[in-house]
Amino acid sequence: MSIIHRTTVRPTKLELLRTWLPARPWYHGSAEPDLAKAGGFRLDDPEGEVGIEFMVVGEAASGAYLVPLTYRGAPLEGAGHALVGTMEHGVLGPRWVYDGCHDPVLTAQLTALVEGRVQAQAQSVSDTPDREVGRCYTGEGPIGALGAPEDTTESTGFAVAGGLALRVHRVLTPAAADAPPQDTVGHVTGAWEQPDGTRTRGLFATLRAA
């Protein structure tokens, strides 16, 4: 169970992302982004060591982005290229923050979410399921191991055994319903807040034929 500590972090997550986001191939906003937290959810690490957050950030000039993040108490070996930055947590001390698509703990829990083996948790409240997160899986058997992540201008994709691909939608698009494309085998949907204060929904991840 993720425990949400009511404390300070320095620098803040948004401060880290203001520097990190403009260098991503899927980011289309300002070079000096005006960011706001717009939504997201958490997943639990079965070992209780790694914080897992799927954070939605809104950027005034270009819309909303999905940024999966992991928080670790020590550097993740071989993942220096995926380091977003470091922060000082008021309770947990130094934390290394990574692009979660490059962290095997997050990707394993994401596939578990698609399959329905774990439940999304509220972003800011301990031990509380997030009822706004939807998921579906129509495949047979476990999804299997993911290949190395590859960024595009809209998403981060992973090859999966059996001719499938898992796609994490980095650039979020509001959708009128949760219906995914017809060739989708699994998906995750979620909600976020638009600049005018209204809430909208869209696809966060899809599993489909490669």
C-alpha atoms as a PDB file:
ATOM      1  CA  MET A   1       0.000   0.000   0.000  1.00  0.00           C
ATOM      2  CA  SER A   2       1.341   3.443  -0.946  1.00  0.00           C
ATOM      3  CA  ILE A   3       1.520   5.809   2.010  1.00  0.00           C
ATOM      4  CA  ILE A   4       1.057   9.460   1.062  1.00  0.00           C
ATOM      5  CA  HIS A   5       3.164  11.618   3.362  1.00  0.00           C
ATOM      6  CA  ARG A   6       1.986  15.157   4.076  1.00  0.00           C
ATOM      7  CA  THR A   7       5.375  16.802   3.823  1.00  0.00           C
ATOM      8  CA  THR A   8       7.599  18.912   1.590  1.00  0.00           C
ATOM      9  CA  VAL A   9       9.750  17.918  -1.379  1.00  0.00           C
ATOM     10  CA  ARG A  10      12.517  20.109  -2.768  1.00  0.00           C
ATOM     11  CA  PRO A  11      12.553  20.719  -5.643  1.00  0.00           C
ATOM     12  CA  THR A  12       8.907  19.971  -6.401  1.00  0.00           C
ATOM     13  CA  LYS A  13       7.850  17.520  -9.096  1.00  0.00           C
ATOM     14  CA  LEU A  14       6.671  20.320 -11.358  1.00  0.00           C
ATOM     15  CA  GLU A  15       9.980  22.129 -10.936  1.00  0.00           C
ATOM     16  CA  LEU A  16      11.826  19.002 -12.060  1.00  0.00           C
ATOM     17  CA  LEU A  17       9.496  18.537 -15.029  1.00  0.00           C
ATOM     18  CA  ARG A  18       9.866  22.139 -16.209  1.00  0.00           C
ATOM     19  CA  THR A  19      13.480  21.326 -16.983  1.00  0.00           C
ATOM     20  CA  TRP A  20      13.024  17.739 -18.156  1.00  0.00           C
ATOM     21  CA  LEU A  21       9.907  17.912 -20.354  1.00  0.00           C
ATOM     22  CA  PRO A  22      11.153  20.235 -23.128  1.00  0.00           C
ATOM     23  CA  ALA A  23      13.796  17.665 -24.156  1.00  0.00           C
ATOM     24  CA  ARG A  24      11.243  14.864 -24.720  1.00  0.00           C
ATOM     25  CA  PRO A  25      10.366  13.986 -28.360  1.00  0.00           C
ATOM     26  CA  TRP A  26       6.663  13.755 -27.488  1.00  0.00           C
ATOM     27  CA  TYR A  27       6.499  17.205 -25.857  1.00  0.00           C
ATOM     28  CA  HIS A  28       5.114  19.950 -28.123  1.00  0.00           C
ATOM     29  CA  GLY A  29       4.827  22.905 -25.773  1.00  0.00           C
ATOM     30  CA  SER A  30       6.855  25.934 -24.757  1.00  0.00           C
ATOM     31  CA  ALA A  31      10.592  25.725 -24.111  1.00  0.00           C
ATOM     32  CA  GLU A  32       9.831  27.275 -20.721  1.00  0.00           C
ATOM     33  CA  PRO A  33       6.620  25.409 -19.843  1.00  0.00           C
ATOM     34  CA  ASP A  34       3.930  26.733 -17.564  1.00  0.00           C
ATOM     35  CA  LEU A  35       2.904  23.450 -15.930  1.00  0.00           C
ATOM     36  CA  ALA A  36       0.059  22.498 -13.617  1.00  0.00           C
ATOM     37  CA  LYS A  37      -0.853  19.200 -12.013  1.00  0.00           C
ATOM     38  CA  ALA A  38      -3.988  17.983 -13.804  1.00  0.00           C
ATOM     39  CA  GLY A  39      -4.559  14.451 -12.515  1.00  0.00           C
ATOM     40  CA  GLY A  40      -3.133  10.964 -12.323  1.00  0.00           C
ATOM     41  CA  PHE A  41      -3.027   7.883 -10.108  1.00  0.00           C
ATOM     42  CA  ARG A  42      -0.600   5.594  -8.300  1.00  0.00           C
ATOM     43  CA  LEU A  43       0.240   1.901  -8.314  1.00  0.00           C
ATOM     44  CA  ASP A  44       1.710  -0.079  -5.444  1.00  0.00           C
ATOM     45  CA  ASP A  45       5.127  -1.715  -5.611  1.00  0.00           C
ATOM     46  CA  PRO A  46       4.671  -5.262  -4.189  1.00  0.00           C
ATOM     47  CA  GLU A  47       8.011  -4.886  -2.396  1.00  0.00           C
ATOM     48  CA  GLY A  48       7.075  -1.513  -0.920  1.00  0.00           C
ATOM     49  CA  GLU A  49      10.321   0.106  -2.057  1.00  0.00           C
ATOM     50  CA  VAL A  50       9.499   2.123  -5.170  1.00  0.00           C
ATOM     51  CA  GLY A  51       6.936   4.894  -5.463  1.00  0.00           C
ATOM     52  CA  ILE A  52       4.927   4.634  -8.698  1.00  0.00           C
ATOM     53  CA  GLU A  53       2.914   7.554 -10.024  1.00  0.00           C
ATOM     54  CA  PHE A  54       1.208   8.210 -13.342  1.00  0.00           C
ATOM     55  CA  MET A  55       1.097  11.996 -13.309  1.00  0.00           C
ATOM     56  CA  VAL A  56      -0.897  14.150 -15.730  1.00  0.00           C
ATOM     57  CA  VAL A  57       0.497  17.626 -16.228  1.00  0.00           C
ATOM     58  CA  GLY A  58      -1.189  20.396 -18.141  1.00  0.00           C
ATOM     59  CA  GLU A  59       0.889  22.822 -20.206  1.00  0.00           C
ATOM     60  CA  ALA A  60      -0.742  26.137 -21.027  1.00  0.00           C
ATOM     61  CA  ALA A  61       0.332  26.196 -24.678  1.00  0.00           C
ATOM     62  CA  SER A  62      -0.089  22.576 -25.746  1.00  0.00           C
ATOM     63  CA  GLY A  63      -2.446  20.513 -23.581  1.00  0.00           C
ATOM     64  CA  ALA A  64      -1.993  17.562 -21.243  1.00  0.00           C
ATOM     65  CA  TYR A  65       0.806  14.991 -20.948  1.00  0.00           C
ATOM     66  CA  LEU A  66       1.027  11.659 -19.132  1.00  0.00           C
ATOM     67  CA  VAL A  67       4.305  11.343 -17.216  1.00  0.00           C
ATOM     68  CA  PRO A  68       4.825   8.004 -15.434  1.00  0.00           C
ATOM     69  CA  LEU A  69       7.329   8.516 -12.616  1.00  0.00           C
ATOM     70  CA  THR A  70       9.095   6.296 -10.111  1.00  0.00           C
ATOM     71  CA  TYR A  71      10.647   7.440  -6.845  1.00  0.00           C
ATOM     72  CA  ARG A  72      13.577   5.488  -5.427  1.00  0.00           C
ATOM     73  CA  GLY A  73      15.758   5.735  -2.337  1.00  0.00           C
ATOM     74  CA  ALA A  74      18.902   4.958  -4.360  1.00  0.00           C
ATOM     75  CA  PRO A  75      19.923   5.238  -8.031  1.00  0.00           C
ATOM     76  CA  LEU A  76      18.553   2.618 -10.436  1.00  0.00           C
ATOM     77  CA  GLU A  77      21.523   0.875 -12.022  1.00  0.00           C
ATOM     78  CA  GLY A  78      21.807   1.436 -15.757  1.00  0.00           C
ATOM     79  CA  ALA A  79      19.027   4.035 -15.863  1.00  0.00           C
ATOM     80  CA  GLY A  80      20.994   7.276 -15.766  1.00  0.00           C
ATOM     81  CA  HIS A  81      19.525   8.242 -19.146  1.00  0.00           C
ATOM     82  CA  ALA A  82      16.020   8.076 -17.623  1.00  0.00           C
ATOM     83  CA  LEU A  83      16.739  10.186 -14.546  1.00  0.00           C
ATOM     84  CA  VAL A  84      14.334  13.117 -14.278  1.00  0.00           C
ATOM     85  CA  GLY A  85      16.171  14.536 -11.260  1.00  0.00           C
ATOM     86  CA  THR A  86      16.658  14.198  -7.528  1.00  0.00           C
ATOM     87  CA  MET A  87      14.635  15.671  -4.698  1.00  0.00           C
ATOM     88  CA  GLU A  88      14.739  15.855  -0.928  1.00  0.00           C
ATOM     89  CA  HIS A  89      11.641  14.346   0.685  1.00  0.00           C
ATOM     90  CA  GLY A  90      10.770  15.677   4.123  1.00  0.00           C
ATOM     91  CA  VAL A  91      10.150  12.166   5.511  1.00  0.00           C
ATOM     92  CA  LEU A  92      11.982   9.736   3.212  1.00  0.00           C
ATOM     93  CA  GLY A  93      15.094  11.809   2.523  1.00  0.00           C
ATOM     94  CA  PRO A  94      16.854  11.826  -0.869  1.00  0.00           C
ATOM     95  CA  ARG A  95      14.759  10.458  -3.745  1.00  0.00           C
ATOM     96  CA  TRP A  96      15.844   9.637  -7.285  1.00  0.00           C
ATOM     97  CA  VAL A  97      13.049  10.361  -9.757  1.00  0.00           C
ATOM     98  CA  TYR A  98      12.915   8.386 -13.013  1.00  0.00           C
ATOM     99  CA  ASP A  99      10.881   8.311 -16.190  1.00  0.00           C
ATOM    100  CA  GLY A 100       8.845   5.288 -15.167  1.00  0.00           C
ATOM    101  CA  CYS A 101       8.697   3.816 -18.664  1.00  0.00           C
ATOM    102  CA  HIS A 102      12.369   2.901 -18.122  1.00  0.00           C
ATOM    103  CA  ASP A 103      11.802   1.401 -14.667  1.00  0.00           C
ATOM    104  CA  PRO A 104      10.985  -2.336 -14.596  1.00  0.00           C
ATOM    105  CA  VAL A 105       8.960  -1.994 -11.395  1.00  0.00           C
ATOM    106  CA  LEU A 106       6.540   0.435 -13.026  1.00  0.00           C
ATOM    107  CA  THR A 107       6.231  -1.463 -16.310  1.00  0.00           C
ATOM    108  CA  ALA A 108       5.529  -4.734 -14.488  1.00  0.00           C
ATOM    109  CA  GLN A 109       2.767  -3.089 -12.471  1.00  0.00           C
ATOM    110  CA  LEU A 110       1.331  -1.410 -15.551  1.00  0.00           C
ATOM    111  CA  THR A 111       0.884  -4.770 -17.278  1.00  0.00           C
ATOM    112  CA  ALA A 112      -0.638  -6.107 -14.056  1.00  0.00           C
ATOM    113  CA  LEU A 113      -3.103  -3.195 -14.126  1.00  0.00           C
ATOM    114  CA  VAL A 114      -4.091  -3.910 -17.729  1.00  0.00           C
ATOM    115  CA  GLU A 115      -4.655  -7.579 -16.837  1.00  0.00           C
ATOM    116  CA  GLY A 116      -6.707  -6.659 -13.760  1.00  0.00           C
ATOM    117  CA  ARG A 117      -4.314  -8.172 -11.203  1.00  0.00           C
ATOM    118  CA  VAL A 118      -3.797  -4.847  -9.387  1.00  0.00           C
ATOM    119  CA  GLN A 119      -5.949  -1.794  -8.780  1.00  0.00           C
ATOM    120  CA  ALA A 120      -5.136   1.848  -9.425  1.00  0.00           C
ATOM    121  CA  GLN A 121      -4.750   3.902  -6.252  1.00  0.00           C
ATOM    122  CA  ALA A 122      -5.672   7.522  -5.576  1.00  0.00           C
ATOM    123  CA  GLN A 123      -2.883   9.952  -6.329  1.00  0.00           C
ATOM    124  CA  SER A 124      -3.004  11.902  -3.076  1.00  0.00           C
ATOM    125  CA  VAL A 125      -4.818   9.680  -0.528  1.00  0.00           C
ATOM    126  CA  SER A 126      -3.379   6.580   1.146  1.00  0.00           C
ATOM    127  CA  ASP A 127      -5.053   3.174   0.758  1.00  0.00           C
ATOM    128  CA  THR A 128      -7.834   4.472  -1.513  1.00  0.00           C
ATOM    129  CA  PRO A 129      -8.684   2.983  -4.927  1.00  0.00           C
ATOM    130  CA  ASP A 130      -9.012   5.415  -7.827  1.00  0.00           C
ATOM    131  CA  ARG A 131     -12.451   4.681  -9.290  1.00  0.00           C
ATOM    132  CA  GLU A 132     -11.868   6.980 -12.269  1.00  0.00           C
ATOM    133  CA  VAL A 133      -9.229   4.675 -13.743  1.00  0.00           C
ATOM    134  CA  GLY A 134     -10.659   2.060 -16.088  1.00  0.00           C
ATOM    135  CA  ARG A 135      -8.984  -0.983 -17.620  1.00  0.00           C
ATOM    136  CA  CYS A 136      -9.798  -3.906 -19.871  1.00  0.00           C
ATOM    137  CA  TYR A 137      -7.982  -6.990 -21.150  1.00  0.00           C
ATOM    138  CA  THR A 138      -9.429  -9.496 -23.626  1.00  0.00           C
ATOM    139  CA  GLY A 139      -6.276 -11.510 -24.281  1.00  0.00           C
ATOM    140  CA  GLU A 140      -5.570 -15.037 -23.109  1.00  0.00           C
ATOM    141  CA  GLY A 141      -2.894 -15.560 -20.480  1.00  0.00           C
ATOM    142  CA  PRO A 142      -0.408 -13.034 -19.094  1.00  0.00           C
ATOM    143  CA  ILE A 143       0.850 -10.232 -21.311  1.00  0.00           C
ATOM    144  CA  GLY A 144       4.489 -11.259 -20.873  1.00  0.00           C
ATOM    145  CA  ALA A 145       7.721  -9.301 -20.695  1.00  0.00           C
ATOM    146  CA  LEU A 146       7.994  -5.930 -22.411  1.00  0.00           C
ATOM    147  CA  GLY A 147      10.753  -4.974 -24.799  1.00  0.00           C
ATOM    148  CA  ALA A 148      12.868  -1.842 -24.453  1.00  0.00           C
ATOM    149  CA  PRO A 149      10.870   1.412 -24.491  1.00  0.00           C
ATOM    150  CA  GLU A 150      10.911   3.493 -27.663  1.00  0.00           C
ATOM    151  CA  ASP A 151       9.709   7.096 -27.727  1.00  0.00           C
ATOM    152  CA  THR A 152       7.755   8.582 -30.627  1.00  0.00           C
ATOM    153  CA  THR A 153       6.274  12.037 -31.063  1.00  0.00           C
ATOM    154  CA  GLU A 154       3.083  10.947 -29.291  1.00  0.00           C
ATOM    155  CA  SER A 155       3.851   7.969 -27.067  1.00  0.00           C
ATOM    156  CA  THR A 156       6.292   5.473 -25.603  1.00  0.00           C
ATOM    157  CA  GLY A 157       5.930   1.980 -27.032  1.00  0.00           C
ATOM    158  CA  PHE A 158       7.023  -1.511 -25.975  1.00  0.00           C
ATOM    159  CA  ALA A 159       7.122  -4.650 -28.084  1.00  0.00           C
ATOM    160  CA  VAL A 160       5.339  -7.605 -26.469  1.00  0.00           C
ATOM    161  CA  ALA A 161       5.492 -11.307 -27.341  1.00  0.00           C
ATOM    162  CA  GLY A 162       2.810 -12.555 -29.702  1.00  0.00           C
ATOM    163  CA  GLY A 163       2.966  -9.636 -32.129  1.00  0.00           C
ATOM    164  CA  LEU A 164       1.525  -7.082 -29.704  1.00  0.00           C
ATOM    165  CA  ALA A 165       2.702  -3.648 -28.616  1.00  0.00           C
ATOM    166  CA  LEU A 166       1.948  -1.731 -25.440  1.00  0.00           C
ATOM    167  CA  ARG A 167       1.694   2.004 -25.979  1.00  0.00           C
ATOM    168  CA  VAL A 168       1.780   4.579 -23.186  1.00  0.00           C
ATOM    169  CA  HIS A 169       0.013   7.686 -24.495  1.00  0.00           C
ATOM    170  CA  ARG A 170       2.203  10.640 -23.539  1.00  0.00           C
ATOM    171  CA  VAL A 171       0.119  13.258 -25.354  1.00  0.00           C
ATOM    172  CA  LEU A 172      -3.401  12.954 -23.972  1.00  0.00           C
ATOM    173  CA  THR A 173      -6.484  13.479 -26.099  1.00  0.00           C
ATOM    174  CA  PRO A 174      -9.961  13.891 -24.580  1.00  0.00           C
ATOM    175  CA  ALA A 175     -12.394  11.191 -25.701  1.00  0.00           C
ATOM    176  CA  ALA A 176     -16.176  11.153 -25.496  1.00  0.00           C
ATOM    177  CA  ALA A 177     -16.155   7.514 -24.339  1.00  0.00           C
ATOM    178  CA  ASP A 178     -13.738   4.843 -23.144  1.00  0.00           C
ATOM    179  CA  ALA A 179     -14.065   2.803 -26.333  1.00  0.00           C
ATOM    180  CA  PRO A 180     -10.547   2.000 -27.641  1.00  0.00           C
ATOM    181  CA  PRO A 181      -9.655   1.183 -31.279  1.00  0.00           C
ATOM    182  CA  GLN A 182     -11.166  -2.069 -32.543  1.00  0.00           C
ATOM    183  CA  ASP A 183      -7.860  -3.972 -32.679  1.00  0.00           C
ATOM    184  CA  THR A 184      -7.080  -3.196 -29.036  1.00  0.00           C
ATOM    185  CA  VAL A 185      -6.508  -6.197 -26.755  1.00  0.00           C
ATOM    186  CA  GLY A 186      -6.250  -4.143 -23.565  1.00  0.00           C
ATOM    187  CA  HIS A 187      -6.300  -0.569 -22.375  1.00  0.00           C
ATOM    188  CA  VAL A 188      -6.165   1.824 -19.429  1.00  0.00           C
ATOM    189  CA  THR A 189      -8.258   4.979 -19.300  1.00  0.00           C
ATOM    190  CA  GLY A 190      -8.193   7.863 -16.867  1.00  0.00           C
ATOM    191  CA  ALA A 191      -9.412  11.370 -16.129  1.00  0.00           C
ATOM    192  CA  TRP A 192      -7.757  14.749 -15.786  1.00  0.00           C
ATOM    193  CA  GLU A 193      -8.699  18.385 -15.307  1.00  0.00           C
ATOM    194  CA  GLN A 194      -8.714  20.836 -18.191  1.00  0.00           C
ATOM    195  CA  PRO A 195      -7.642  24.490 -17.845  1.00  0.00           C
ATOM    196  CA  ASP A 196     -11.275  25.617 -17.472  1.00  0.00           C
ATOM    197  CA  GLY A 197     -11.751  23.290 -14.487  1.00  0.00           C
ATOM    198  CA  THR A 198     -13.840  20.640 -16.260  1.00  0.00           C
ATOM    199  CA  ARG A 199     -12.808  16.985 -16.084  1.00  0.00           C
ATOM    200  CA  THR A 200     -12.312  14.893 -19.179  1.00  0.00           C
ATOM    201  CA  ARG A 201     -11.283  11.316 -19.968  1.00  0.00           C
ATOM    202  CA  GLY A 202      -9.046   9.577 -22.460  1.00  0.00           C
ATOM    203  CA  LEU A 203      -6.761   6.645 -23.143  1.00  0.00           C
ATOM    204  CA  PHE A 204      -3.634   6.378 -20.994  1.00  0.00           C
ATOM    205  CA  ALA A 205      -2.323   3.104 -22.450  1.00  0.00           C
ATOM    206  CA  THR A 206      -3.312   0.592 -25.131  1.00  0.00           C
ATOM    207  CA  LEU A 207      -2.270  -2.964 -25.939  1.00  0.00           C
ATOM    208  CA  ARG A 208      -2.814  -3.811 -29.576  1.00  0.00           C
ATOM    209  CA  ALA A 209      -1.386  -5.547 -32.639  1.00  0.00           C
ATOM    210  CA  ALA A 210       2.060  -4.176 -33.500  1.00  0.00           C
END
